């Protein structure tokens, strides 16, 4: 119904016409100079970096973080404070590429895989709240800060580096953008599923 009403507007009619021609031409002719699989192969390392970053992050955040306890029983807003730490430091991490810091694809892939060490660390923090150093609030904020900084930095470096691995061609960069977007969303999805399975497996 929405399309039926808006399609009568001159501007929307032109937009729909362009989309119709685009859909038709995309089926009949190739839009890129190279096969799509070749483009995907070029951006695969960066796509893996984005996927792995978000998969690791959403495996424990917020699934494990909401179970963290403060060493001060009166601090009922501790989880919100830790989440605030993540939001602030993650934003800082996303500015790292602006400082000229960059990693080779192989190093970036290793860096994102190394972040999987946060999974057992966060689980231990939620399972053993009275054990040192998991007992200390400052330790929880510190590990969350490192977790957030590496999340923002690796995700941004991957997303920026993906389209740069293909020629300066609009059609190829569009495919690269779609690939990176899919990797990002799929990483969130897989991480969320793993987070739920982890909680169920640990009886949390």
N, C-alpha and C. Protein backbone atom coordinates (compact mmCIF):
# COMPACT_ATOMS: atom_id res chain seq x y z
N UNK A 1 0.83 -1.20 0.00
CA UNK A 1 0.00 0.00 0.00
C UNK A 1 0.87 1.26 0.00
N UNK A 2 1.95 1.21 0.80
CA UNK A 2 2.85 2.36 0.86
C UNK A 2 3.45 2.65 -0.51
N UNK A 3 3.90 1.59 -1.19
CA UNK A 3 4.49 1.78 -2.51
C UNK A 3 3.45 2.27 -3.51
N UNK A 4 2.22 1.76 -3.42
CA UNK A 4 1.18 2.17 -4.35
C UNK A 4 0.89 3.66 -4.22
N UNK A 5 0.92 4.16 -2.98
CA UNK A 5 0.63 5.58 -2.75
C UNK A 5 1.80 6.45 -3.18
N UNK A 6 3.01 6.06 -2.75
CA UNK A 6 4.18 6.90 -3.02
C UNK A 6 4.63 6.83 -4.47
N UNK A 7 4.29 5.75 -5.18
CA UNK A 7 4.75 5.61 -6.57
C UNK A 7 4.15 6.66 -7.49
N UNK A 8 3.10 7.33 -7.06
CA UNK A 8 2.47 8.37 -7.88
C UNK A 8 3.25 9.69 -7.83
N UNK A 9 4.10 9.81 -6.84
CA UNK A 9 4.90 11.03 -6.73
C UNK A 9 5.95 11.03 -7.84
N UNK A 10 6.15 12.17 -8.52
CA UNK A 10 7.11 12.21 -9.65
C UNK A 10 8.51 11.75 -9.26
N UNK A 11 8.96 12.17 -8.09
CA UNK A 11 10.31 11.78 -7.65
C UNK A 11 10.40 10.28 -7.45
N UNK A 12 9.42 9.70 -6.75
CA UNK A 12 9.44 8.27 -6.48
C UNK A 12 9.26 7.46 -7.77
N UNK A 13 8.49 7.99 -8.71
CA UNK A 13 8.31 7.30 -9.99
C UNK A 13 9.64 7.18 -10.72
N UNK A 14 10.45 8.24 -10.65
CA UNK A 14 11.76 8.21 -11.30
C UNK A 14 12.70 7.23 -10.59
N UNK A 15 12.65 7.22 -9.25
CA UNK A 15 13.49 6.30 -8.48
C UNK A 15 13.13 4.85 -8.79
N UNK A 16 11.84 4.55 -8.83
CA UNK A 16 11.38 3.19 -9.12
C UNK A 16 11.77 2.77 -10.54
N UNK A 17 11.76 3.73 -11.46
CA UNK A 17 12.16 3.43 -12.83
C UNK A 17 13.63 3.06 -12.90
N UNK A 18 14.46 3.82 -12.17
CA UNK A 18 15.89 3.53 -12.14
C UNK A 18 16.15 2.15 -11.54
N UNK A 19 15.46 1.85 -10.44
CA UNK A 19 15.63 0.56 -9.79
C UNK A 19 15.19 -0.60 -10.68
N UNK A 20 14.12 -0.36 -11.44
CA UNK A 20 13.62 -1.40 -12.34
C UNK A 20 14.64 -1.68 -13.44
N UNK A 21 15.19 -0.62 -14.01
CA UNK A 21 16.20 -0.78 -15.06
C UNK A 21 17.47 -1.44 -14.51
N UNK A 22 17.80 -1.06 -13.28
CA UNK A 22 19.00 -1.62 -12.66
C UNK A 22 18.83 -3.11 -12.41
N UNK A 23 17.66 -3.50 -11.90
CA UNK A 23 17.40 -4.92 -11.64
C UNK A 23 17.43 -5.72 -12.93
N UNK A 24 16.88 -5.14 -14.01
CA UNK A 24 16.85 -5.83 -15.29
C UNK A 24 18.24 -5.98 -15.86
N UNK A 25 19.04 -4.91 -15.79
CA UNK A 25 20.38 -4.97 -16.36
C UNK A 25 21.30 -5.86 -15.54
N UNK A 26 21.06 -5.94 -14.22
CA UNK A 26 21.91 -6.77 -13.39
C UNK A 26 21.74 -8.24 -13.69
N UNK A 27 20.57 -8.62 -14.20
CA UNK A 27 20.33 -10.01 -14.56
C UNK A 27 20.90 -10.31 -15.94
N UNK A 28 20.78 -9.36 -16.85
CA UNK A 28 21.16 -9.59 -18.24
C UNK A 28 22.66 -9.41 -18.48
N UNK A 29 23.29 -8.50 -17.73
CA UNK A 29 24.70 -8.20 -17.98
C UNK A 29 25.48 -8.18 -16.67
N UNK A 30 26.77 -8.43 -16.78
CA UNK A 30 27.65 -8.36 -15.62
C UNK A 30 27.93 -6.90 -15.29
N UNK A 31 27.85 -6.57 -14.02
CA UNK A 31 28.05 -5.19 -13.59
C UNK A 31 29.50 -4.88 -13.25
N UNK A 32 30.31 -5.91 -13.07
CA UNK A 32 31.71 -5.72 -12.70
C UNK A 32 32.62 -6.30 -13.77
N UNK A 33 33.84 -5.76 -13.84
CA UNK A 33 34.80 -6.25 -14.82
C UNK A 33 35.26 -7.67 -14.50
N UNK A 34 35.35 -7.98 -13.23
CA UNK A 34 35.79 -9.30 -12.79
C UNK A 34 34.63 -10.07 -12.19
N UNK A 35 34.75 -11.39 -12.10
CA UNK A 35 33.70 -12.18 -11.44
C UNK A 35 33.55 -11.76 -9.98
N UNK A 36 32.34 -11.86 -9.48
CA UNK A 36 32.07 -11.46 -8.10
C UNK A 36 32.92 -12.26 -7.11
N UNK A 37 33.11 -13.55 -7.39
CA UNK A 37 33.89 -14.38 -6.49
C UNK A 37 35.34 -13.90 -6.38
N UNK A 38 35.87 -13.35 -7.47
CA UNK A 38 37.23 -12.82 -7.43
C UNK A 38 37.31 -11.60 -6.53
N UNK A 39 36.27 -10.78 -6.56
CA UNK A 39 36.22 -9.59 -5.71
C UNK A 39 36.09 -10.01 -4.25
N UNK A 40 35.20 -10.97 -4.00
CA UNK A 40 35.01 -11.46 -2.63
C UNK A 40 36.30 -12.05 -2.08
N UNK A 41 37.05 -12.75 -2.95
CA UNK A 41 38.32 -13.34 -2.52
C UNK A 41 39.31 -12.26 -2.12
N UNK A 42 39.31 -11.14 -2.83
CA UNK A 42 40.23 -10.05 -2.50
C UNK A 42 39.94 -9.45 -1.13
N UNK A 43 38.66 -9.31 -0.80
CA UNK A 43 38.29 -8.66 0.46
C UNK A 43 38.10 -9.67 1.60
N UNK A 44 38.28 -10.96 1.30
CA UNK A 44 38.02 -12.01 2.30
C UNK A 44 38.81 -11.83 3.60
N UNK A 45 40.12 -11.47 3.55
CA UNK A 45 40.83 -11.30 4.82
C UNK A 45 40.22 -10.22 5.70
N UNK A 46 39.84 -9.10 5.11
CA UNK A 46 39.23 -8.03 5.88
C UNK A 46 37.82 -8.40 6.33
N UNK A 47 37.11 -9.12 5.47
CA UNK A 47 35.77 -9.58 5.85
C UNK A 47 35.85 -10.54 7.03
N UNK A 48 36.86 -11.41 7.02
CA UNK A 48 37.05 -12.31 8.16
C UNK A 48 37.37 -11.53 9.42
N UNK A 49 38.19 -10.48 9.27
CA UNK A 49 38.52 -9.66 10.43
C UNK A 49 37.29 -9.03 11.05
N UNK A 50 36.42 -8.48 10.20
CA UNK A 50 35.18 -7.88 10.70
C UNK A 50 34.28 -8.93 11.33
N UNK A 51 34.17 -10.08 10.66
CA UNK A 51 33.32 -11.16 11.18
C UNK A 51 33.81 -11.66 12.53
N UNK A 52 35.11 -11.94 12.62
CA UNK A 52 35.68 -12.48 13.85
C UNK A 52 35.57 -11.49 15.00
N UNK A 53 35.79 -10.22 14.70
CA UNK A 53 35.69 -9.19 15.74
C UNK A 53 34.31 -9.18 16.37
N UNK A 54 33.28 -9.12 15.53
CA UNK A 54 31.92 -9.04 16.05
C UNK A 54 31.46 -10.36 16.65
N UNK A 55 31.92 -11.48 16.10
CA UNK A 55 31.54 -12.79 16.65
C UNK A 55 32.07 -12.94 18.07
N UNK A 56 33.34 -12.57 18.27
CA UNK A 56 33.92 -12.66 19.62
C UNK A 56 33.22 -11.70 20.57
N UNK A 57 32.98 -10.48 20.11
CA UNK A 57 32.36 -9.48 20.97
C UNK A 57 30.98 -9.91 21.44
N UNK A 58 30.15 -10.36 20.52
CA UNK A 58 28.77 -10.69 20.89
C UNK A 58 28.65 -12.06 21.57
N UNK A 59 29.73 -12.84 21.59
CA UNK A 59 29.69 -14.08 22.35
C UNK A 59 29.64 -13.81 23.85
N UNK A 60 30.31 -12.75 24.28
CA UNK A 60 30.37 -12.45 25.72
C UNK A 60 29.72 -11.13 26.11
N UNK A 61 29.46 -10.29 25.14
CA UNK A 61 28.87 -8.99 25.43
C UNK A 61 27.56 -8.84 24.67
N UNK A 62 26.44 -8.75 25.38
CA UNK A 62 26.32 -8.57 26.83
C UNK A 62 26.04 -9.85 27.61
N UNK A 63 26.08 -11.03 26.97
CA UNK A 63 25.63 -12.27 27.62
C UNK A 63 26.34 -12.53 28.94
N UNK A 64 27.66 -12.35 28.99
CA UNK A 64 28.40 -12.59 30.23
C UNK A 64 28.48 -11.34 31.10
N UNK A 65 28.55 -10.19 30.47
CA UNK A 65 28.75 -8.94 31.21
C UNK A 65 27.59 -8.66 32.16
N UNK A 66 26.37 -8.98 31.75
CA UNK A 66 25.21 -8.69 32.60
C UNK A 66 25.23 -9.54 33.87
N UNK A 67 26.10 -10.56 33.92
CA UNK A 67 26.19 -11.42 35.10
C UNK A 67 27.30 -10.97 36.05
N UNK A 68 28.08 -9.98 35.64
CA UNK A 68 29.16 -9.50 36.50
C UNK A 68 28.60 -8.87 37.76
N UNK A 69 29.35 -9.02 38.85
CA UNK A 69 28.96 -8.47 40.14
C UNK A 69 30.03 -7.53 40.66
N UNK A 70 29.59 -6.48 41.31
CA UNK A 70 30.52 -5.53 41.91
C UNK A 70 31.02 -6.07 43.25
N UNK A 71 32.24 -5.69 43.62
CA UNK A 71 32.75 -6.07 44.93
C UNK A 71 32.05 -5.31 46.04
N UNK A 72 31.36 -4.23 45.67
CA UNK A 72 30.57 -3.44 46.62
C UNK A 72 29.10 -3.81 46.47
N UNK A 73 28.51 -4.50 47.43
CA UNK A 73 27.11 -4.93 47.31
C UNK A 73 26.12 -3.78 47.11
N UNK A 74 26.49 -2.59 47.56
CA UNK A 74 25.59 -1.44 47.42
C UNK A 74 25.61 -0.83 46.02
N UNK A 75 26.58 -1.25 45.21
CA UNK A 75 26.70 -0.70 43.85
C UNK A 75 25.78 -1.48 42.91
N UNK A 76 24.51 -1.12 42.91
CA UNK A 76 23.52 -1.85 42.10
C UNK A 76 23.58 -1.50 40.62
N UNK A 77 24.27 -0.44 40.27
CA UNK A 77 24.36 -0.04 38.86
C UNK A 77 25.67 -0.41 38.22
N UNK A 78 26.34 -1.43 38.74
CA UNK A 78 27.67 -1.76 38.25
C UNK A 78 27.66 -2.20 36.80
N UNK A 79 26.69 -3.03 36.41
CA UNK A 79 26.64 -3.51 35.02
C UNK A 79 26.48 -2.34 34.06
N UNK A 80 25.64 -1.39 34.41
CA UNK A 80 25.46 -0.20 33.55
C UNK A 80 26.75 0.58 33.44
N UNK A 81 27.52 0.65 34.52
CA UNK A 81 28.79 1.37 34.50
C UNK A 81 29.80 0.68 33.58
N UNK A 82 29.82 -0.64 33.63
CA UNK A 82 30.75 -1.39 32.77
C UNK A 82 30.35 -1.24 31.30
N UNK A 83 29.05 -1.27 31.03
CA UNK A 83 28.57 -1.07 29.66
C UNK A 83 28.92 0.33 29.18
N UNK A 84 28.83 1.31 30.07
CA UNK A 84 29.22 2.69 29.73
C UNK A 84 30.70 2.73 29.35
N UNK A 85 31.52 2.01 30.10
CA UNK A 85 32.95 1.94 29.78
C UNK A 85 33.15 1.40 28.37
N UNK A 86 32.40 0.36 28.03
CA UNK A 86 32.51 -0.20 26.68
C UNK A 86 32.14 0.83 25.63
N UNK A 87 31.04 1.52 25.81
CA UNK A 87 30.57 2.47 24.80
C UNK A 87 31.59 3.58 24.56
N UNK A 88 32.16 4.10 25.64
CA UNK A 88 33.12 5.21 25.51
C UNK A 88 34.41 4.74 24.85
N UNK A 89 34.99 3.65 25.37
CA UNK A 89 36.29 3.20 24.86
C UNK A 89 36.16 2.62 23.46
N UNK A 90 35.03 1.99 23.15
CA UNK A 90 34.81 1.48 21.79
C UNK A 90 34.81 2.64 20.79
N UNK A 91 34.19 3.75 21.17
CA UNK A 91 34.19 4.93 20.31
C UNK A 91 35.60 5.44 20.09
N UNK A 92 36.40 5.45 21.15
CA UNK A 92 37.80 5.87 21.02
C UNK A 92 38.54 4.94 20.06
N UNK A 93 38.30 3.64 20.19
CA UNK A 93 38.96 2.67 19.32
C UNK A 93 38.64 2.87 17.85
N UNK A 94 37.44 3.36 17.57
CA UNK A 94 37.04 3.56 16.17
C UNK A 94 37.73 4.76 15.53
N UNK A 95 38.39 5.59 16.34
CA UNK A 95 39.14 6.73 15.80
C UNK A 95 40.59 6.37 15.49
N UNK A 96 41.01 5.17 15.86
CA UNK A 96 42.41 4.78 15.66
C UNK A 96 42.86 4.89 14.20
N UNK A 97 42.04 4.45 13.21
CA UNK A 97 42.49 4.61 11.81
C UNK A 97 42.77 6.06 11.43
N UNK A 98 42.12 7.01 12.09
CA UNK A 98 42.37 8.42 11.79
C UNK A 98 43.75 8.86 12.23
N UNK A 99 44.39 8.09 13.10
CA UNK A 99 45.73 8.42 13.58
C UNK A 99 46.81 7.87 12.67
N UNK A 100 46.41 7.23 11.59
CA UNK A 100 47.37 6.67 10.65
C UNK A 100 47.84 5.28 11.03
N UNK A 101 47.23 4.71 12.07
CA UNK A 101 47.60 3.36 12.49
C UNK A 101 46.94 2.34 11.57
N UNK A 102 47.73 1.43 11.06
CA UNK A 102 47.21 0.42 10.15
C UNK A 102 47.95 -0.89 10.37
N UNK A 103 47.31 -1.99 10.02
CA UNK A 103 47.90 -3.31 10.16
C UNK A 103 47.81 -4.05 8.84
N UNK A 104 48.83 -4.83 8.56
CA UNK A 104 48.76 -5.69 7.38
C UNK A 104 47.64 -6.71 7.58
N UNK A 105 47.03 -7.17 6.48
CA UNK A 105 45.90 -8.11 6.62
C UNK A 105 46.21 -9.32 7.48
N UNK A 106 47.42 -9.88 7.34
CA UNK A 106 47.77 -11.07 8.13
C UNK A 106 47.83 -10.74 9.62
N UNK A 107 48.41 -9.57 9.95
CA UNK A 107 48.47 -9.15 11.35
C UNK A 107 47.08 -8.84 11.89
N UNK A 108 46.26 -8.22 11.06
CA UNK A 108 44.91 -7.88 11.50
C UNK A 108 44.09 -9.15 11.76
N UNK A 109 44.24 -10.15 10.90
CA UNK A 109 43.53 -11.41 11.11
C UNK A 109 43.99 -12.08 12.41
N UNK A 110 45.30 -12.08 12.65
CA UNK A 110 45.83 -12.67 13.88
C UNK A 110 45.35 -11.89 15.10
N UNK A 111 45.27 -10.58 14.95
CA UNK A 111 44.81 -9.72 16.05
C UNK A 111 43.37 -10.01 16.41
N UNK A 112 42.52 -10.17 15.39
CA UNK A 112 41.11 -10.44 15.65
C UNK A 112 40.91 -11.83 16.25
N UNK A 113 41.70 -12.80 15.80
CA UNK A 113 41.60 -14.15 16.37
C UNK A 113 42.08 -14.15 17.82
N UNK A 114 43.13 -13.36 18.10
CA UNK A 114 43.65 -13.29 19.47
C UNK A 114 42.62 -12.74 20.45
N UNK A 115 41.67 -11.96 19.95
CA UNK A 115 40.63 -11.42 20.83
C UNK A 115 39.75 -12.51 21.41
N UNK A 116 39.82 -13.72 20.85
CA UNK A 116 39.02 -14.82 21.40
C UNK A 116 39.44 -15.16 22.83
N UNK A 117 40.61 -14.68 23.26
CA UNK A 117 41.04 -14.89 24.64
C UNK A 117 40.11 -14.19 25.62
N UNK A 118 39.39 -13.18 25.13
CA UNK A 118 38.44 -12.50 26.01
C UNK A 118 37.28 -13.41 26.41
N UNK A 119 36.99 -14.42 25.62
CA UNK A 119 35.84 -15.29 25.91
C UNK A 119 36.04 -16.03 27.24
N UNK A 120 37.13 -16.80 27.42
CA UNK A 120 37.31 -17.44 28.74
C UNK A 120 37.52 -16.44 29.86
N UNK A 121 38.14 -15.29 29.55
CA UNK A 121 38.37 -14.28 30.58
C UNK A 121 37.05 -13.73 31.11
N UNK A 122 36.14 -13.40 30.21
CA UNK A 122 34.85 -12.86 30.63
C UNK A 122 34.01 -13.92 31.34
N UNK A 123 34.11 -15.17 30.89
CA UNK A 123 33.37 -16.25 31.54
C UNK A 123 33.88 -16.45 32.97
N UNK A 124 35.19 -16.45 33.15
CA UNK A 124 35.75 -16.60 34.49
C UNK A 124 35.35 -15.44 35.39
N UNK A 125 35.25 -14.24 34.83
CA UNK A 125 34.85 -13.08 35.62
C UNK A 125 33.43 -13.23 36.14
N UNK A 126 32.56 -13.82 35.33
CA UNK A 126 31.17 -14.01 35.76
C UNK A 126 31.00 -15.23 36.66
N UNK A 127 31.82 -16.28 36.45
CA UNK A 127 31.68 -17.50 37.25
C UNK A 127 32.36 -17.43 38.60
N UNK A 128 33.45 -16.66 38.68
CA UNK A 128 34.24 -16.61 39.92
C UNK A 128 34.39 -15.17 40.41
N UNK A 129 33.30 -14.55 40.84
CA UNK A 129 33.35 -13.14 41.24
C UNK A 129 34.14 -12.88 42.52
N UNK A 130 34.42 -13.91 43.30
CA UNK A 130 35.15 -13.71 44.56
C UNK A 130 36.64 -14.02 44.43
N UNK A 131 37.05 -14.51 43.27
CA UNK A 131 38.45 -14.89 43.06
C UNK A 131 39.24 -13.69 42.55
N UNK A 132 40.43 -13.50 43.10
CA UNK A 132 41.33 -12.44 42.64
C UNK A 132 41.93 -12.86 41.30
N UNK A 133 42.00 -11.98 40.29
CA UNK A 133 41.66 -10.55 40.31
C UNK A 133 40.23 -10.23 39.88
N UNK A 134 39.41 -11.26 39.61
CA UNK A 134 38.06 -11.01 39.11
C UNK A 134 37.19 -10.30 40.15
N UNK A 135 37.64 -10.31 41.39
CA UNK A 135 36.87 -9.68 42.46
C UNK A 135 36.87 -8.16 42.37
N UNK A 136 37.95 -7.60 41.84
CA UNK A 136 38.12 -6.14 41.85
C UNK A 136 37.33 -5.48 40.72
N UNK A 137 36.65 -4.40 41.09
CA UNK A 137 35.89 -3.64 40.09
C UNK A 137 36.81 -3.00 39.06
N UNK A 138 37.97 -2.51 39.51
CA UNK A 138 38.88 -1.84 38.58
C UNK A 138 39.38 -2.82 37.51
N UNK A 139 39.52 -4.10 37.90
CA UNK A 139 39.97 -5.09 36.93
C UNK A 139 38.90 -5.33 35.88
N UNK A 140 37.65 -5.36 36.31
CA UNK A 140 36.55 -5.55 35.36
C UNK A 140 36.48 -4.38 34.38
N UNK A 141 36.64 -3.16 34.89
CA UNK A 141 36.62 -2.00 34.01
C UNK A 141 37.84 -2.01 33.07
N UNK A 142 38.98 -2.45 33.59
CA UNK A 142 40.19 -2.47 32.76
C UNK A 142 40.05 -3.47 31.61
N UNK A 143 39.58 -4.68 31.92
CA UNK A 143 39.44 -5.67 30.85
C UNK A 143 38.35 -5.26 29.87
N UNK A 144 37.32 -4.60 30.36
CA UNK A 144 36.29 -4.10 29.45
C UNK A 144 36.85 -3.00 28.55
N UNK A 145 37.73 -2.16 29.11
CA UNK A 145 38.34 -1.10 28.31
C UNK A 145 39.19 -1.66 27.19
N UNK A 146 40.02 -2.65 27.50
CA UNK A 146 40.86 -3.28 26.47
C UNK A 146 39.99 -3.99 25.45
N UNK A 147 38.96 -4.67 25.93
CA UNK A 147 38.01 -5.37 25.07
C UNK A 147 37.35 -4.40 24.10
N UNK A 148 36.90 -3.26 24.61
CA UNK A 148 36.21 -2.27 23.78
C UNK A 148 37.16 -1.60 22.80
N UNK A 149 38.37 -1.27 23.27
CA UNK A 149 39.34 -0.61 22.40
C UNK A 149 39.71 -1.49 21.22
N UNK A 150 39.96 -2.76 21.48
CA UNK A 150 40.31 -3.68 20.40
C UNK A 150 39.12 -3.95 19.49
N UNK A 151 37.91 -3.94 20.05
CA UNK A 151 36.72 -4.13 19.22
C UNK A 151 36.56 -2.99 18.23
N UNK A 152 36.61 -1.77 18.74
CA UNK A 152 36.44 -0.61 17.86
C UNK A 152 37.54 -0.51 16.82
N UNK A 153 38.79 -0.76 17.25
CA UNK A 153 39.92 -0.62 16.33
C UNK A 153 39.89 -1.69 15.24
N UNK A 154 39.73 -2.95 15.62
CA UNK A 154 39.79 -4.03 14.63
C UNK A 154 38.59 -4.00 13.69
N UNK A 155 37.41 -3.66 14.21
CA UNK A 155 36.23 -3.59 13.35
C UNK A 155 36.38 -2.47 12.32
N UNK A 156 36.87 -1.32 12.76
CA UNK A 156 37.01 -0.18 11.85
C UNK A 156 38.12 -0.42 10.84
N UNK A 157 39.25 -0.94 11.29
CA UNK A 157 40.35 -1.22 10.36
C UNK A 157 39.91 -2.23 9.30
N UNK A 158 39.12 -3.21 9.70
CA UNK A 158 38.65 -4.20 8.73
C UNK A 158 37.68 -3.59 7.74
N UNK A 159 36.72 -2.82 8.24
CA UNK A 159 35.70 -2.24 7.36
C UNK A 159 36.29 -1.20 6.41
N UNK A 160 37.29 -0.48 6.87
CA UNK A 160 37.95 0.51 6.01
C UNK A 160 38.85 -0.18 4.99
N UNK A 161 39.53 -1.23 5.42
CA UNK A 161 40.48 -1.90 4.54
C UNK A 161 39.86 -2.76 3.47
N UNK A 162 38.63 -3.24 3.69
CA UNK A 162 37.98 -4.11 2.72
C UNK A 162 37.85 -3.50 1.34
N UNK A 163 37.15 -2.38 1.19
CA UNK A 163 36.99 -1.77 -0.13
C UNK A 163 38.31 -1.29 -0.75
N UNK A 164 39.33 -1.05 0.08
CA UNK A 164 40.62 -0.60 -0.45
C UNK A 164 41.39 -1.72 -1.14
N UNK A 165 40.96 -2.95 -0.98
CA UNK A 165 41.66 -4.08 -1.58
C UNK A 165 41.20 -4.38 -3.00
N UNK A 166 40.25 -3.60 -3.49
CA UNK A 166 39.79 -3.76 -4.87
C UNK A 166 40.13 -2.50 -5.64
N UNK A 167 40.18 -2.57 -6.97
CA UNK A 167 40.48 -1.38 -7.77
C UNK A 167 39.47 -0.26 -7.52
N UNK A 168 39.89 0.94 -7.88
CA UNK A 168 39.03 2.11 -7.70
C UNK A 168 37.93 2.10 -8.75
N UNK A 169 37.08 1.10 -8.64
CA UNK A 169 35.97 0.92 -9.57
C UNK A 169 34.68 0.87 -8.76
N UNK A 170 33.73 1.69 -9.14
CA UNK A 170 32.50 1.82 -8.35
C UNK A 170 31.77 0.49 -8.20
N UNK A 171 31.68 -0.26 -9.27
CA UNK A 171 30.95 -1.53 -9.23
C UNK A 171 31.64 -2.54 -8.32
N UNK A 172 32.98 -2.62 -8.40
CA UNK A 172 33.71 -3.57 -7.57
C UNK A 172 33.68 -3.16 -6.10
N UNK A 173 33.79 -1.86 -5.85
CA UNK A 173 33.74 -1.40 -4.47
C UNK A 173 32.35 -1.60 -3.87
N UNK A 174 31.33 -1.56 -4.71
CA UNK A 174 29.98 -1.83 -4.23
C UNK A 174 29.86 -3.28 -3.77
N UNK A 175 30.42 -4.20 -4.56
CA UNK A 175 30.42 -5.61 -4.17
C UNK A 175 31.23 -5.80 -2.89
N UNK A 176 32.37 -5.12 -2.81
CA UNK A 176 33.19 -5.21 -1.60
C UNK A 176 32.43 -4.70 -0.38
N UNK A 177 31.68 -3.62 -0.56
CA UNK A 177 30.88 -3.08 0.54
C UNK A 177 29.81 -4.04 1.00
N UNK A 178 29.15 -4.69 0.03
CA UNK A 178 28.13 -5.69 0.38
C UNK A 178 28.77 -6.85 1.15
N UNK A 179 29.95 -7.27 0.69
CA UNK A 179 30.63 -8.39 1.35
C UNK A 179 31.00 -8.04 2.79
N UNK A 180 31.53 -6.83 2.98
CA UNK A 180 31.91 -6.42 4.33
C UNK A 180 30.69 -6.28 5.22
N UNK A 181 29.61 -5.74 4.68
CA UNK A 181 28.39 -5.59 5.45
C UNK A 181 27.82 -6.93 5.87
N UNK A 182 27.85 -7.90 4.95
CA UNK A 182 27.37 -9.24 5.28
C UNK A 182 28.22 -9.87 6.36
N UNK A 183 29.55 -9.72 6.25
CA UNK A 183 30.44 -10.30 7.26
C UNK A 183 30.17 -9.70 8.63
N UNK A 184 29.94 -8.40 8.67
CA UNK A 184 29.67 -7.71 9.93
C UNK A 184 28.39 -8.22 10.57
N UNK A 185 27.32 -8.26 9.79
CA UNK A 185 26.02 -8.69 10.32
C UNK A 185 26.05 -10.16 10.71
N UNK A 186 26.70 -10.99 9.87
CA UNK A 186 26.78 -12.41 10.18
C UNK A 186 27.60 -12.66 11.44
N UNK A 187 28.63 -11.85 11.64
CA UNK A 187 29.42 -11.97 12.87
C UNK A 187 28.59 -11.67 14.10
N UNK A 188 27.75 -10.64 14.02
CA UNK A 188 26.86 -10.31 15.13
C UNK A 188 25.89 -11.46 15.39
N UNK A 189 25.35 -12.02 14.31
CA UNK A 189 24.39 -13.12 14.44
C UNK A 189 25.04 -14.35 15.07
N UNK A 190 26.19 -14.75 14.53
CA UNK A 190 26.87 -15.94 15.05
C UNK A 190 27.29 -15.73 16.50
N UNK A 191 27.83 -14.54 16.79
CA UNK A 191 28.24 -14.25 18.16
C UNK A 191 27.08 -14.30 19.14
N UNK A 192 25.93 -13.77 18.72
CA UNK A 192 24.75 -13.79 19.59
C UNK A 192 24.29 -15.22 19.86
N UNK A 193 24.31 -16.06 18.82
CA UNK A 193 23.94 -17.47 19.00
C UNK A 193 24.92 -18.17 19.94
N UNK A 194 26.21 -17.92 19.74
CA UNK A 194 27.22 -18.52 20.61
C UNK A 194 27.07 -18.04 22.05
N UNK A 195 26.70 -16.77 22.22
CA UNK A 195 26.49 -16.24 23.56
C UNK A 195 25.35 -16.95 24.28
N UNK A 196 24.25 -17.17 23.56
CA UNK A 196 23.11 -17.89 24.14
C UNK A 196 23.49 -19.33 24.48
N UNK A 197 24.19 -19.98 23.54
CA UNK A 197 24.60 -21.37 23.77
C UNK A 197 25.57 -21.47 24.95
N UNK A 198 26.46 -20.49 25.08
CA UNK A 198 27.40 -20.48 26.20
C UNK A 198 26.66 -20.36 27.53
N UNK A 199 25.70 -19.45 27.59
CA UNK A 199 24.92 -19.29 28.82
C UNK A 199 24.16 -20.56 29.17
N UNK A 200 23.56 -21.18 28.16
CA UNK A 200 22.81 -22.41 28.41
C UNK A 200 23.74 -23.54 28.83
N UNK A 201 24.90 -23.63 28.18
CA UNK A 201 25.85 -24.68 28.51
C UNK A 201 26.42 -24.56 29.92
N UNK A 202 26.56 -23.31 30.39
CA UNK A 202 27.09 -23.07 31.73
C UNK A 202 26.00 -23.02 32.78
N UNK A 203 24.76 -23.17 32.34
CA UNK A 203 23.64 -23.13 33.28
C UNK A 203 23.42 -21.76 33.88
N UNK A 204 23.72 -20.72 33.14
CA UNK A 204 23.58 -19.36 33.66
C UNK A 204 22.19 -18.80 33.38
